[in-house]
Amino acid sequence: MKSLLWPVALLAISAFAKADPAWRARVAPESEPGERLVIRGRVLQAQGGPAAAGTRIFVYQTDAKGIYGPGQGSPASISRLRAEFTVGPNGEYEIVTIRPGHYPGGGVPAHIHLNLIEGGKPTRQVAEFFFAGDKYLRGGEQGFVLQLRKDAQGRWQGSQDFALGDK
């Protein structure tokens, strides 16, 4: 009798398990090697304007070794670490991932690609997230340089608000 109740109890618990909100992207699974990173912010329709609720975001990046994925092709199409999600009602977003590595051979700052999918418009790369202190930053990068800090659990944290017309 006990063995029959156990699966029922698990089903009851899982029915109340909280799913991630649509505005949170889990780009890297917990099993992915690398330093944990969480980036949060808001997307606005224009600087100082209302939230761009419902905007779709597509992000992709390299793994901790600087590799997008197996095979050949555009990084966006072969990247193992990628996610697409919808900005929340107040413009909020959260990207849960790892710190990307530098490309093999170096020379390019570690970065995360940020693309917007606006209703009825072609997908466009808005910018890249770079990280302050990266030895390959030269200034003039087309993106946002994030100031990261570690939280009590040892995860890197960063934040960046931006408007659809930025960068």
Foldseek 3Di string as FASTA:
>chain_A
DVVVVVVVVVVVVVVPDDDDPQQEAEQADPPADAFKEKEKEFEAQAVVHFGPFFKKKKKAFAGQARHQADDDDDSSVGGSGMDMGTQHPRRMHMYIYHFGHAHVVHQDFGWMWIWIDDPPDDIDTQFIEGEPPGPNDDPPHRHHHWYWDADPVRHIYTYDYYYPPHD
